[in-house]
Structures are given as structure tokens and as C-alpha cells.
């Protein structure tokens, strides 16, 4: 979810600011914290594992490599959540009941980098973007004006729309599969998507929040029963293991890859700022500019750790806001406990190997919903744009045309040198740059 963000002059987001601080800092009995923490983990689990599953499927990683990615991701999600809820010193961590996870917005750029240059360049770009985000957290409020809805809406829409072909390929069984497009694969994908739809419509607030997770489990069970899912290799995985830093090799760096990740980092910082203020309202807690900076630093550091542990960029998950409001339990130590649970899950390779066995059609059915939600978030932002203001419609038209159109014709730049092709053949980079420039060009500057 994305928000229209304004920084209040008195840095106060509610009239009764800080009356909820005691609830936020409360330490509940351990059994209650474990139960509620697990509930928060379930609410975000599908979003946490979806990115490594989909990245692995798109770049053709083995089941062992996929399981390692999932374990590393869950472990780093836990570390990131501890940083955000407990904090590290006075300047890192916002210390509110917030859960951290990998951002879906990063999937498209990571896929492009991994396919063209390799995973080591993905991790190099993540590390650099995390360092930049950490260093710029304190000054970020000054550049928020460069990311109004017309810019963030274009960027997020470009990311979501460019992911759709991947989901459709998986629904068919994965490009290159012997039974690609078979009726069995399409029925499995359709059934998974139908279950996501039904649970979202009739499942109630909590069930709908874990609709994708339930549908992945159910779709995999059906695929296993039909002989379309293989569990080979799970028995050879150890029961316990810690993530190994730089397992895919030392990070490598390329300017285009770094610029892509910096675009993702900027969008994530805008979204997280909105999440921080929203949680402040839910918990009746004052959120100042310093608090926002501390939260963004935690995200930046988490991304640096993610790059080192073969994981991903991290963002504060907005879906857990609803769960805090639903349960009425505002203790940040519940989410801290959830972070510990995530770290434990990240040390279970057998569990990750089971997740890595999910068939491509099941992934495709769920991905259509997930990618559609990314694009839908962008469209929702674009619906808030004032199109009577000069240049906004033109900015949207040109940015979407470049960002989506370039990715539809990748062979157009085949004759260019790799360095040039990485720039002008990158839809997200060109579309994002166009949105930022055109918004600045048409803005009324004081």
C-alpha cells in the first residue's frame, strides 16, 4: 500500500500523541507473545517467500539454490524485524510494532539484473542501495517532493505490468517445459487463482490476509496428489543450517544495476514513511522526523545485510498494520518475537526445500494475484493524481509508454553495446527517469 505523505510541521500525527507508548513498550507473557508473533509471521509469510520462489523460477535456479534463497530471506526478515522493533542505538529502528519483509517492487529489477548480468550483480546493487538509503535517511524528507503520486504511481505500475508475462509463463508450466500450456497446468493455475479470490472475498479479515499462503499450500497438495509435484531432494537437506554470506560468490557492481536498485529504494522509502505514520495513528504514538529517519536507517541496514546473506531489499510490511488494528495488541515485542520466529524458520533447510518444490503453475496462479496487486497499487496512486494540473497526464502517458513499451521490444537494442543497452533497454530505469524529470519540468517551482 502506498500513501500520500506530508510531514506535519509539529511532527505530530495525532492529537493524543504518545498516549499509546506504554502499550507499544509493554512486554506480554511469553505464550501470548509467541502465539501473536506467529500470527504476524503467517500474515506476511507468503509475501516473504514469494520473491525468492519467483526469482528462482525465473532465472532457473536448482531446488537446492532455491531452498537456500528462501532460508536466507526468512532469516534476514527476522534480523530486519528485530532492528525495526527493538532498535540498535538511538538512531536505528523506529521501535513500533512493525514487521519487515522483502519488497515485491524489487522483483522486476532483480530479474532483469540476474538474467543479464548474474546474481552477484543483484547483491552488489542491493548492498550499494542499502548503504545509500542508510546515509540519506535523515535527509529523505527534503526530497519527498520529487516523488508525488504521479511519479510513484508510474514507477509501481511499470513494475507490476512488466511482471505479468512472467506469471502467465509460470501458469503454463514455465517456459521450456515439456508440457508448457497443457490443460493440466492451466487448470492448476486457475484453481490456485480461484482459491485466492474466494478466500479474499469470503475468508474474513485474517484469512484474506493469508489467502495467497493458503492457496499455495492447497495448490501444492493437489499437484502432489496428481503427481505434478516432486519432493525429491528434501530428505538430503539438513534439519538445521545457518545462511552462508556470499554463498553465490562475492558481490559485483554495475552502474545500471545500482541505479535500478536505487529507484526501488526511493519508492520503498516513500511507502515506508507512510506506514510509519499510519502505525503512529493506530498506536496513538508520536512519530517525528527523527523516528522516520531511524526507521529508514533500519531498512537500509537490513538491505545491506540482505545483500551479504544472498537475500533481498527490505521494507516495512503494510499488511501487518491491519493485524495490529484487528487484534488490538500494540506491543512491539510481539513483532520482536515474530522476528525471532522468522530467524528460526530461516535455519530449517527442509522447510525451505518443501517451499522450493511448489510447481510453476501453482506459482503462476498466485503470482497473477500478487503482481496484479503491485500494478493495482500503482493504478490506485495514479487515480489520486490531479490531471487538471498541467503536465500530469503527459507525464503519465510518456512514462508508462516508455517503461512498459521498451520491455515489450527488447530486441530493438540488440545491436547496441552492453553498457548502452543496459541503460536505454531498461524499461523501469527509463520510465522512472522520465517520470521524475517530467514531473520536475511541469511543476510550479517556487
Protein backbone atom coordinates (compact mmCIF):
# COMPACT_ATOMS: atom_id res chain seq x y z
CA UNK A 1 0.00 0.00 0.00
CA UNK A 2 1.18 3.50 -0.78
CA UNK A 3 0.33 6.76 0.88
CA UNK A 4 0.25 10.47 0.12
CA UNK A 5 2.79 11.70 2.62
CA UNK A 6 3.07 15.11 4.20
CA UNK A 7 5.36 15.88 7.08
CA UNK A 8 3.39 17.72 9.80
CA UNK A 9 5.07 20.92 10.87
CA UNK A 10 4.91 19.93 14.53
CA UNK A 11 5.95 16.34 13.66
CA UNK A 12 2.79 15.14 15.40
CA UNK A 13 0.47 12.70 13.65
CA UNK A 14 -2.36 12.65 16.16
CA UNK A 15 -3.84 14.90 18.78
CA UNK A 16 -3.27 12.42 21.61
CA UNK A 17 0.28 11.58 20.54
CA UNK A 18 2.28 9.27 22.80
CA UNK A 19 -0.63 8.16 24.98
CA UNK A 20 -0.11 4.69 23.49
CA UNK A 21 3.63 4.48 24.19
CA UNK A 22 3.06 2.30 27.28
CA UNK A 23 1.12 -0.24 25.17
CA UNK A 24 3.81 -0.20 22.49
CA UNK A 25 6.57 -0.88 25.05
CA UNK A 26 4.58 -3.49 27.03
CA UNK A 27 6.15 -6.94 27.45
CA UNK A 28 3.38 -9.56 27.43
CA UNK A 29 3.51 -13.11 28.83
CA UNK A 30 5.72 -15.30 26.64
CA UNK A 31 2.98 -17.74 25.46
CA UNK A 32 0.83 -14.82 24.31
CA UNK A 33 3.76 -13.17 22.53
CA UNK A 34 4.63 -16.45 20.81
CA UNK A 35 1.06 -17.02 19.62
CA UNK A 36 0.51 -13.46 18.41
CA UNK A 37 4.01 -13.30 16.91
CA UNK A 38 3.33 -16.49 14.91
CA UNK A 39 0.08 -14.95 13.67
CA UNK A 40 2.03 -11.97 12.31
CA UNK A 41 4.51 -14.35 10.66
CA UNK A 42 1.67 -16.21 8.94
CA UNK A 43 0.21 -12.93 7.69
CA UNK A 44 3.45 -12.00 5.93
CA UNK A 45 4.92 -15.44 5.14
CA UNK A 46 3.57 -15.72 1.58
CA UNK A 47 4.91 -12.27 0.73
CA UNK A 48 8.26 -13.17 2.26
CA UNK A 49 8.78 -16.42 0.31
CA UNK A 50 7.12 -15.31 -2.93
CA UNK A 51 10.07 -13.22 -4.10
CA UNK A 52 12.78 -15.89 -3.70
CA UNK A 53 10.45 -18.51 -5.23
CA UNK A 54 9.66 -16.35 -8.23
CA UNK A 55 13.20 -15.11 -8.73
CA UNK A 56 14.47 -18.69 -8.64
CA UNK A 57 11.83 -19.92 -11.08
CA UNK A 58 12.55 -17.06 -13.50
CA UNK A 59 16.33 -17.47 -13.60
CA UNK A 60 16.33 -21.29 -13.48
CA UNK A 61 17.95 -21.98 -10.10
CA UNK A 62 18.08 -25.54 -8.75
CA UNK A 63 15.89 -26.70 -5.91
CA UNK A 64 18.87 -26.56 -3.52
CA UNK A 65 19.67 -22.99 -4.55
CA UNK A 66 16.01 -22.00 -4.21
CA UNK A 67 15.81 -23.52 -0.73
CA UNK A 68 18.93 -21.60 0.26
CA UNK A 69 17.41 -18.33 -1.01
CA UNK A 70 14.22 -18.92 0.97
CA UNK A 71 16.13 -19.71 4.17
CA UNK A 72 18.37 -16.67 3.76
CA UNK A 73 15.34 -14.47 3.12
CA UNK A 74 13.41 -15.64 6.19
CA UNK A 75 16.49 -15.33 8.39
CA UNK A 76 17.15 -11.78 7.17
CA UNK A 77 13.45 -10.86 7.55
CA UNK A 78 13.86 -11.79 11.20
CA UNK A 79 17.02 -9.70 11.63
CA UNK A 80 15.35 -6.73 9.92
CA UNK A 81 12.28 -7.01 12.16
CA UNK A 82 14.48 -7.06 15.28
CA UNK A 83 16.29 -3.94 14.04
CA UNK A 84 12.99 -2.13 13.47
CA UNK A 85 11.14 -3.16 16.63
CA UNK A 86 13.94 -3.20 19.21
CA UNK A 87 16.36 -0.80 17.56
CA UNK A 88 20.12 -0.51 17.69
CA UNK A 89 21.27 2.59 19.50
CA UNK A 90 19.28 5.84 19.36
CA UNK A 91 19.40 6.31 15.57
CA UNK A 92 18.43 2.89 14.16
CA UNK A 93 14.93 1.41 14.36
CA UNK A 94 11.60 3.18 14.84
CA UNK A 95 10.60 0.91 17.77
CA UNK A 96 6.99 0.36 16.74
CA UNK A 97 5.10 -2.93 16.14
CA UNK A 98 6.17 -3.35 12.53
CA UNK A 99 7.18 -6.40 10.51
CA UNK A 100 9.89 -6.30 7.84
CA UNK A 101 9.94 -8.28 4.63
CA UNK A 102 11.24 -8.31 1.07
CA UNK A 103 9.59 -5.81 -1.24
CA UNK A 104 7.75 -7.10 -4.31
CA UNK A 105 8.66 -3.87 -6.13
CA UNK A 106 12.26 -5.12 -6.32
CA UNK A 107 11.38 -8.37 -8.11
CA UNK A 108 11.23 -7.00 -11.66
CA UNK A 109 14.55 -5.11 -11.46
CA UNK A 110 16.25 -8.08 -9.78
CA UNK A 111 15.02 -10.42 -12.53
CA UNK A 112 16.39 -8.11 -15.22
CA UNK A 113 19.78 -7.82 -13.49
CA UNK A 114 20.01 -11.56 -12.76
CA UNK A 115 19.19 -12.53 -16.35
CA UNK A 116 21.53 -10.05 -18.00
CA UNK A 117 24.43 -9.92 -15.54
CA UNK A 118 24.00 -12.55 -12.82
CA UNK A 119 23.00 -12.82 -9.18
CA UNK A 120 26.29 -11.38 -7.93
CA UNK A 121 25.38 -8.07 -9.58
CA UNK A 122 21.96 -8.23 -7.91
CA UNK A 123 23.58 -8.48 -4.49
CA UNK A 124 26.13 -5.78 -5.27
CA UNK A 125 23.33 -3.40 -6.27
CA UNK A 126 21.31 -4.26 -3.14
CA UNK A 127 24.29 -3.54 -0.89
CA UNK A 128 25.03 -0.18 -2.53
CA UNK A 129 21.35 0.88 -2.46
CA UNK A 130 21.15 -0.11 1.22
CA UNK A 131 24.22 1.96 2.06
CA UNK A 132 22.81 4.97 0.19
CA UNK A 133 19.41 4.59 1.89
CA UNK A 134 21.08 4.43 5.30
CA UNK A 135 23.19 7.52 4.69
CA UNK A 136 20.31 9.52 3.16
CA UNK A 137 17.62 8.56 5.69
CA UNK A 138 17.94 11.78 7.67
CA UNK A 139 17.62 13.99 4.59
CA UNK A 140 14.94 11.98 2.82
CA UNK A 141 12.07 14.24 3.88
CA UNK A 142 13.67 17.02 1.80
CA UNK A 143 13.40 15.05 -1.45
CA UNK A 144 9.92 13.60 -0.93
CA UNK A 145 8.62 16.35 -3.22
CA UNK A 146 10.31 14.60 -6.13
CA UNK A 147 8.12 11.52 -5.53
CA UNK A 148 4.45 12.60 -5.61
CA UNK A 149 1.71 10.18 -6.68
CA UNK A 150 2.30 10.90 -10.36
CA UNK A 151 5.90 9.61 -10.06
CA UNK A 152 5.45 6.73 -7.61
CA UNK A 153 2.26 5.65 -9.38
CA UNK A 154 4.05 5.43 -12.73
CA UNK A 155 7.01 3.52 -11.28
CA UNK A 156 4.91 0.97 -9.38
CA UNK A 157 2.57 0.46 -12.33
CA UNK A 158 5.54 -0.15 -14.65
CA UNK A 159 6.95 -2.74 -12.22
CA UNK A 160 3.62 -4.57 -11.87
CA UNK A 161 2.68 -4.62 -15.56
CA UNK A 162 6.14 -5.79 -16.64
CA UNK A 163 5.83 -8.77 -14.29
CA UNK A 164 2.60 -10.10 -15.84
CA UNK A 165 4.28 -12.07 -18.68
CA UNK A 166 6.33 -13.98 -16.09
CA UNK A 167 3.21 -15.02 -14.16
CA UNK A 168 1.50 -16.17 -17.37
CA UNK A 169 4.55 -18.23 -18.35
CA UNK A 170 4.55 -19.95 -14.96
CA UNK A 171 0.82 -20.62 -15.25
CA UNK A 172 1.61 -22.55 -18.41
CA UNK A 173 4.23 -24.62 -16.61
CA UNK A 174 7.31 -22.46 -17.13
CA UNK A 175 8.87 -21.54 -20.45
CA UNK A 176 10.71 -24.51 -21.92
CA UNK A 177 8.67 -27.11 -20.01
CA UNK A 178 7.72 -30.20 -22.00
CA UNK A 179 4.04 -29.76 -21.07
CA UNK A 180 4.04 -25.97 -21.42
CA UNK A 181 0.48 -24.68 -21.84
CA UNK A 182 -1.10 -28.07 -21.19
CA UNK A 183 -4.69 -28.15 -19.87
CA UNK A 184 -3.48 -29.68 -16.60
CA UNK A 185 -1.10 -26.80 -15.94
CA UNK A 186 -3.67 -24.17 -16.82
CA UNK A 187 -6.31 -25.81 -14.62
CA UNK A 188 -3.87 -25.96 -11.69
CA UNK A 189 -3.02 -22.26 -12.10
CA UNK A 190 -6.69 -21.33 -12.50
CA UNK A 191 -7.65 -23.30 -9.41
CA UNK A 192 -4.96 -21.60 -7.34
CA UNK A 193 -6.08 -18.15 -8.50
CA UNK A 194 -9.73 -19.06 -7.89
CA UNK A 195 -8.93 -20.10 -4.31
CA UNK A 196 -7.05 -16.85 -3.70
CA UNK A 197 -10.12 -15.00 -4.98
CA UNK A 198 -12.57 -16.97 -2.84
CA UNK A 199 -10.54 -16.61 0.35
CA UNK A 200 -10.05 -12.90 -0.26
CA UNK A 201 -13.80 -12.44 -0.79
CA UNK A 202 -15.25 -14.67 1.91
CA UNK A 203 -12.40 -15.56 4.24
CA UNK A 204 -12.69 -12.76 6.77
CA UNK A 205 -10.04 -10.22 7.60
CA UNK A 206 -7.28 -12.54 8.85
CA UNK A 207 -7.92 -15.39 6.41
CA UNK A 208 -7.94 -12.98 3.48
CA UNK A 209 -4.56 -11.65 4.64
CA UNK A 210 -3.07 -15.14 4.27
CA UNK A 211 -5.11 -16.13 1.19
CA UNK A 212 -2.01 -16.49 -1.01
CA UNK A 213 -0.25 -18.68 1.58
CA UNK A 214 -3.26 -20.99 1.94
CA UNK A 215 -3.69 -21.18 -1.83
CA UNK A 216 -0.03 -22.08 -2.39
CA UNK A 217 -0.32 -24.89 0.17
CA UNK A 218 -3.62 -26.15 -1.28
CA UNK A 219 -2.42 -25.92 -4.88
CA UNK A 220 0.76 -27.80 -4.00
CA UNK A 221 -1.25 -30.51 -2.23
CA UNK A 222 -3.41 -31.00 -5.33
CA UNK A 223 -0.33 -31.05 -7.57
CA UNK A 224 1.31 -33.66 -5.31
CA UNK A 225 -1.84 -35.82 -5.42
CA UNK A 226 -1.88 -35.58 -9.23
CA UNK A 227 1.80 -36.45 -9.50
CA UNK A 228 2.74 -32.95 -10.72
CA UNK A 229 4.96 -32.04 -7.75
CA UNK A 230 8.27 -33.68 -6.87
CA UNK A 231 9.64 -33.84 -3.33
CA UNK A 232 12.96 -35.34 -4.34
CA UNK A 233 15.99 -33.87 -2.64
CA UNK A 234 14.19 -32.83 0.55
CA UNK A 235 15.49 -35.81 2.51
CA UNK A 236 19.08 -34.83 1.75
CA UNK A 237 18.68 -31.32 3.20
CA UNK A 238 19.93 -30.87 6.79
CA UNK A 239 17.46 -30.11 9.56
CA UNK A 240 19.37 -27.06 10.80
CA UNK A 241 21.76 -24.72 8.99
CA UNK A 242 22.69 -21.04 9.09
CA UNK A 243 22.80 -18.83 5.96
CA UNK A 244 26.29 -18.54 4.48
CA UNK A 245 27.37 -14.99 3.47
CA UNK A 246 28.11 -14.55 -0.25
CA UNK A 247 27.06 -18.13 -1.00
CA UNK A 248 26.64 -17.25 -4.71
CA UNK A 249 30.03 -15.53 -4.80
CA UNK A 250 31.32 -12.06 -3.88
CA UNK A 251 29.13 -9.11 -4.93
CA UNK A 252 29.79 -7.42 -8.26
CA UNK A 253 28.82 -3.92 -9.28
CA UNK A 254 27.41 -2.31 -12.40
CA UNK A 255 26.07 1.23 -12.67
CA UNK A 256 22.79 0.27 -14.34
CA UNK A 257 22.07 -2.41 -11.74
CA UNK A 258 22.79 0.04 -8.92
CA UNK A 259 20.54 2.72 -10.47
CA UNK A 260 17.70 0.20 -10.74
CA UNK A 261 18.01 -0.68 -7.07
CA UNK A 262 18.24 2.99 -6.09
CA UNK A 263 14.88 3.57 -7.85
CA UNK A 264 13.44 0.69 -5.82
CA UNK A 265 14.96 2.06 -2.60
CA UNK A 266 13.45 5.51 -3.17
CA UNK A 267 9.96 4.08 -3.76
CA UNK A 268 10.30 1.85 -0.69
CA UNK A 269 11.33 4.80 1.48
CA UNK A 270 8.25 6.72 0.36
CA UNK A 271 5.99 3.75 1.14
CA UNK A 272 7.61 3.04 4.50
CA UNK A 273 7.26 6.66 5.58
CA UNK A 274 3.52 6.31 5.08
CA UNK A 275 3.49 3.03 7.01
CA UNK A 276 5.34 4.65 9.92
CA UNK A 277 2.81 7.47 10.21
CA UNK A 278 -0.10 5.03 9.85
CA UNK A 279 1.24 2.86 12.67
CA UNK A 280 1.70 6.00 14.76
CA UNK A 281 -2.02 6.72 14.34
CA UNK A 282 -3.01 3.11 15.14
CA UNK A 283 -0.91 3.04 18.33
CA UNK A 284 -1.56 6.70 19.32
CA UNK A 285 2.17 7.30 19.28
CA UNK A 286 4.03 10.38 18.10
CA UNK A 287 6.15 9.78 15.01
CA UNK A 288 8.69 12.54 14.47
CA UNK A 289 11.06 13.18 11.60
CA UNK A 290 13.85 11.62 13.67
CA UNK A 291 11.72 8.49 14.16
CA UNK A 292 11.15 8.22 10.41
CA UNK A 293 14.87 8.58 9.78
CA UNK A 294 15.62 5.87 12.37
CA UNK A 295 13.12 3.52 10.69
CA UNK A 296 14.56 4.16 7.24
CA UNK A 297 18.09 3.55 8.53
CA UNK A 298 16.95 0.17 9.84
CA UNK A 299 15.61 -0.67 6.39
CA UNK A 300 18.83 0.42 4.71
CA UNK A 301 20.99 -1.63 7.07
CA UNK A 302 18.65 -4.61 6.60
CA UNK A 303 19.17 -4.36 2.83
CA UNK A 304 22.96 -4.30 3.27
CA UNK A 305 22.68 -7.42 5.46
CA UNK A 306 20.35 -8.95 2.85
CA UNK A 307 22.88 -8.39 0.09
CA UNK A 308 25.60 -10.02 2.19
CA UNK A 309 23.42 -13.02 3.10
CA UNK A 310 22.25 -13.64 -0.50
CA UNK A 311 18.87 -12.10 0.24
CA UNK A 312 16.92 -9.02 -0.87
CA UNK A 313 16.00 -5.36 -0.22
CA UNK A 314 13.73 -4.99 2.81
CA UNK A 315 10.72 -2.82 3.53
CA UNK A 316 8.28 -2.35 6.38
CA UNK A 317 5.27 -4.55 5.54
CA UNK A 318 1.96 -2.69 5.45
CA UNK A 319 -0.22 -5.84 5.71
CA UNK A 320 0.69 -6.22 9.39
CA UNK A 321 -0.85 -2.81 10.13
CA UNK A 322 -4.30 -4.33 9.74
CA UNK A 323 -3.44 -7.23 12.04
CA UNK A 324 -2.30 -4.84 14.81
CA UNK A 325 -5.57 -2.92 14.44
CA UNK A 326 -7.59 -6.15 14.31
CA UNK A 327 -6.10 -7.75 17.45
CA UNK A 328 -5.72 -4.50 19.39
CA UNK A 329 -2.34 -5.75 20.64
CA UNK A 330 0.16 -2.94 20.05
CA UNK A 331 3.25 -4.29 21.81
CA UNK A 332 6.35 -4.06 19.64
CA UNK A 333 7.72 -7.09 21.47
CA UNK A 334 5.04 -9.25 19.85
CA UNK A 335 6.57 -8.34 16.49
CA UNK A 336 10.05 -8.78 18.01
CA UNK A 337 9.02 -12.33 18.89
CA UNK A 338 7.78 -12.75 15.32
CA UNK A 339 11.24 -11.71 14.15
CA UNK A 340 12.81 -14.43 16.29
CA UNK A 341 10.38 -16.97 14.81
CA UNK A 342 11.38 -15.88 11.30
CA UNK A 343 15.06 -16.29 12.14
CA UNK A 344 14.34 -19.81 13.44
CA UNK A 345 12.39 -20.70 10.27
CA UNK A 346 15.36 -19.45 8.28
CA UNK A 347 17.55 -22.14 9.84
CA UNK A 348 15.31 -25.02 8.63
CA UNK A 349 16.51 -26.05 5.15
CA UNK A 350 13.99 -28.90 4.92
CA UNK A 351 11.10 -26.45 5.28
CA UNK A 352 12.65 -24.21 2.62
CA UNK A 353 13.11 -27.23 0.31
CA UNK A 354 9.39 -28.04 0.60
CA UNK A 355 8.57 -24.44 -0.40
CA UNK A 356 11.08 -24.70 -3.27
CA UNK A 357 9.15 -27.70 -4.62
CA UNK A 358 5.99 -25.69 -5.39
CA UNK A 359 5.15 -26.33 -9.08
CA UNK A 360 5.33 -23.49 -11.60
CA UNK A 361 1.56 -23.49 -12.41
CA UNK A 362 0.70 -23.03 -8.72
CA UNK A 363 3.23 -20.21 -8.52
CA UNK A 364 1.75 -18.69 -11.67
CA UNK A 365 -1.79 -18.66 -10.30
CA UNK A 366 -0.66 -16.95 -7.10
CA UNK A 367 1.70 -14.62 -8.99
CA UNK A 368 -1.11 -13.28 -11.16
CA UNK A 369 -2.78 -12.03 -7.99
CA UNK A 370 0.43 -10.76 -6.39
CA UNK A 371 1.72 -8.99 -9.49
CA UNK A 372 -1.74 -7.61 -10.13
CA UNK A 373 -1.75 -6.15 -6.63
CA UNK A 374 1.54 -4.39 -7.38
CA UNK A 375 0.12 -2.92 -10.58
CA UNK A 376 -3.14 -2.14 -8.79
CA UNK A 377 -1.27 -0.19 -6.12
CA UNK A 378 0.28 1.91 -8.88
CA UNK A 379 -3.08 2.47 -10.57
CA UNK A 380 -4.58 3.47 -7.22
CA UNK A 381 -1.87 6.09 -6.84
CA UNK A 382 -2.43 7.35 -10.38
CA UNK A 383 -6.16 7.69 -9.60
CA UNK A 384 -5.22 10.27 -6.94
CA UNK A 385 -3.32 12.43 -9.42
CA UNK A 386 -4.80 15.83 -10.28
CA UNK A 387 -4.99 15.59 -14.06
CA UNK A 388 -6.20 19.18 -14.34
CA UNK A 389 -2.70 20.25 -13.36
CA UNK A 390 -0.59 20.98 -16.41
CA UNK A 391 1.70 18.14 -17.44
CA UNK A 392 0.42 15.36 -15.17
CA UNK A 393 -1.43 13.45 -17.90
CA UNK A 394 1.51 13.92 -20.26
CA UNK A 395 3.92 12.67 -17.56
CA UNK A 396 1.85 9.52 -17.01
CA UNK A 397 1.44 8.89 -20.74
CA UNK A 398 5.12 9.20 -21.62
CA UNK A 399 6.43 7.41 -18.51
CA UNK A 400 4.13 4.40 -18.89
CA UNK A 401 4.70 4.32 -22.65
CA UNK A 402 8.47 4.16 -22.20
CA UNK A 403 8.52 1.96 -19.10
CA UNK A 404 6.17 -0.70 -20.47
CA UNK A 405 6.81 -0.32 -24.19
CA UNK A 406 10.59 -0.77 -24.00
CA UNK A 407 10.21 -4.09 -22.17
CA UNK A 408 7.84 -5.29 -24.91
CA UNK A 409 10.50 -4.86 -27.59
CA UNK A 410 13.81 -5.97 -26.02
CA UNK A 411 15.35 -6.92 -29.39
CA UNK A 412 15.23 -3.29 -30.54
CA UNK A 413 18.50 -2.61 -28.71
CA UNK A 414 20.27 -5.88 -29.57
CA UNK A 415 22.83 -4.16 -31.79
CA UNK A 416 23.96 -1.70 -29.11
CA UNK A 417 26.94 -2.27 -26.82
CA UNK A 418 26.06 -3.91 -23.48
CA UNK A 419 26.70 -0.74 -21.45
CA UNK A 420 24.36 1.34 -23.61
CA UNK A 421 21.78 -1.44 -23.84
CA UNK A 422 21.67 -1.76 -20.05
CA UNK A 423 20.58 1.89 -19.86
CA UNK A 424 18.25 2.51 -22.80
CA UNK A 425 16.85 -1.02 -22.86
CA UNK A 426 15.76 -0.94 -19.23
CA UNK A 427 12.07 -0.06 -19.05
CA UNK A 428 12.00 0.66 -15.33
CA UNK A 429 15.06 2.91 -15.44
CA UNK A 430 13.89 4.88 -18.49
CA UNK A 431 10.27 5.12 -17.30
CA UNK A 432 11.25 6.18 -13.77
CA UNK A 433 13.71 8.74 -15.07
CA UNK A 434 11.06 10.15 -17.41
CA UNK A 435 8.50 10.40 -14.60
CA UNK A 436 10.90 12.23 -12.26
CA UNK A 437 12.15 14.59 -14.98
CA UNK A 438 8.74 15.42 -16.46
CA UNK A 439 7.21 15.96 -13.01
CA UNK A 440 10.03 18.40 -12.22
CA UNK A 441 9.71 20.05 -15.63
CA UNK A 442 5.99 20.75 -15.32
CA UNK A 443 5.94 21.54 -11.58
CA UNK A 444 5.34 25.06 -10.39
CA UNK A 445 8.60 25.77 -8.64
CA UNK A 446 8.82 28.48 -6.04
